[in-house]
Each structure stands twice: as C-alpha cells, then as structure tokens.
C-alpha cells in the first residue's frame, strides 16, 4: 500500500470533514457540524503551511 503524502492526507481530511459537516448540518446537528468544520479549517491551515514550506 502506498503511503499518503502529508499534503494529500490533509487534503483528504479537509474534504471528508467538510462533507460530514454538511451532512450533519442538514440533519440538524449543529454542534457536530461546527466541530467537523473546525477540523476542516485545521486541515486547510496545515495544507497552507505545507504549501508555504515547499
């Protein structure tokens, strides 16, 4: 199995977190939607730092 690069890992983490946040928001679970949106923001910030380092 191939190892994910750190960049690819953060990109997938952000996408998955945003999808879950959207789903939970539609289900009315605002607290969990907010938590997942915060996870996505952390992943996006990490991705931004990776891009700056390269």
C-alpha atoms as a PDB file:
ATOM      1  CA  UNK A   1       0.000   0.000   0.000  1.00  0.00           C
ATOM      2  CA  UNK A   2       1.322   3.435  -0.912  1.00  0.00           C
ATOM      3  CA  UNK A   3       1.903   5.957   1.812  1.00  0.00           C
ATOM      4  CA  UNK A   4      -0.051   9.172   1.565  1.00  0.00           C
ATOM      5  CA  UNK A   5       1.989  12.308   1.412  1.00  0.00           C
ATOM      6  CA  UNK A   6       1.292  14.780   4.183  1.00  0.00           C
ATOM      7  CA  UNK A   7      -0.255  17.162   1.649  1.00  0.00           C
ATOM      8  CA  UNK A   8      -2.590  14.521   0.259  1.00  0.00           C
ATOM      9  CA  UNK A   9      -3.555  13.412   3.761  1.00  0.00           C
ATOM     10  CA  UNK A  10      -4.524  16.952   4.803  1.00  0.00           C
ATOM     11  CA  UNK A  11      -6.444  17.491   1.570  1.00  0.00           C
ATOM     12  CA  UNK A  12      -8.500  14.321   2.097  1.00  0.00           C
ATOM     13  CA  UNK A  13      -9.027  15.159   5.776  1.00  0.00           C
ATOM     14  CA  UNK A  14     -10.404  18.583   4.841  1.00  0.00           C
ATOM     15  CA  UNK A  15     -12.727  17.167   2.184  1.00  0.00           C
ATOM     16  CA  UNK A  16     -14.085  14.443   4.448  1.00  0.00           C
ATOM     17  CA  UNK A  17     -14.570  16.855   7.345  1.00  0.00           C
ATOM     18  CA  UNK A  18     -16.456  19.305   5.130  1.00  0.00           C
ATOM     19  CA  UNK A  19     -18.684  16.558   3.762  1.00  0.00           C
ATOM     20  CA  UNK A  20     -19.526  15.330   7.254  1.00  0.00           C
ATOM     21  CA  UNK A  21     -20.126  18.905   8.432  1.00  0.00           C
ATOM     22  CA  UNK A  22     -22.578  19.479   5.580  1.00  0.00           C
ATOM     23  CA  UNK A  23     -24.369  16.200   6.266  1.00  0.00           C
ATOM     24  CA  UNK A  24     -24.665  16.897   9.992  1.00  0.00           C
ATOM     25  CA  UNK A  25     -25.891  20.426   9.319  1.00  0.00           C
ATOM     26  CA  UNK A  26     -28.640  19.041   7.085  1.00  0.00           C
ATOM     27  CA  UNK A  27     -29.540  16.583   9.859  1.00  0.00           C
ATOM     28  CA  UNK A  28     -29.833  19.472  12.319  1.00  0.00           C
ATOM     29  CA  UNK A  29     -26.803  18.531  14.445  1.00  0.00           C
ATOM     30  CA  UNK A  30     -25.220  21.978  14.536  1.00  0.00           C
ATOM     31  CA  UNK A  31     -22.701  21.159  17.275  1.00  0.00           C
ATOM     32  CA  UNK A  32     -21.200  18.254  15.353  1.00  0.00           C
ATOM     33  CA  UNK A  33     -21.336  20.213  12.093  1.00  0.00           C
ATOM     34  CA  UNK A  34     -19.369  23.018  13.734  1.00  0.00           C
ATOM     35  CA  UNK A  35     -16.841  20.576  15.187  1.00  0.00           C
ATOM     36  CA  UNK A  36     -16.244  18.998  11.770  1.00  0.00           C
ATOM     37  CA  UNK A  37     -15.983  22.411  10.114  1.00  0.00           C
ATOM     38  CA  UNK A  38     -13.291  23.324  12.668  1.00  0.00           C
ATOM     39  CA  UNK A  39     -11.464  20.086  11.806  1.00  0.00           C
ATOM     40  CA  UNK A  40     -11.595  21.074   8.137  1.00  0.00           C
ATOM     41  CA  UNK A  41     -10.165  24.504   8.910  1.00  0.00           C
ATOM     42  CA  UNK A  42      -7.273  22.908  10.836  1.00  0.00           C
ATOM     43  CA  UNK A  43      -6.521  20.646   7.878  1.00  0.00           C
ATOM     44  CA  UNK A  44      -6.682  23.560   5.452  1.00  0.00           C
ATOM     45  CA  UNK A  45      -4.309  25.599   7.611  1.00  0.00           C
ATOM     46  CA  UNK A  46      -1.903  22.646   7.741  1.00  0.00           C
ATOM     47  CA  UNK A  47      -2.150  22.331   3.960  1.00  0.00           C
ATOM     48  CA  UNK A  48      -1.400  26.035   3.616  1.00  0.00           C
ATOM     49  CA  UNK A  49       1.704  25.637   5.798  1.00  0.00           C
ATOM     50  CA  UNK A  50       2.876  22.670   3.726  1.00  0.00           C
ATOM     51  CA  UNK A  51       2.496  24.720   0.548  1.00  0.00           C
ATOM     52  CA  UNK A  52       4.462  27.608   2.068  1.00  0.00           C
ATOM     53  CA  UNK A  53       7.274  25.257   3.102  1.00  0.00           C
ATOM     54  CA  UNK A  54       7.670  23.945  -0.451  1.00  0.00           C
END
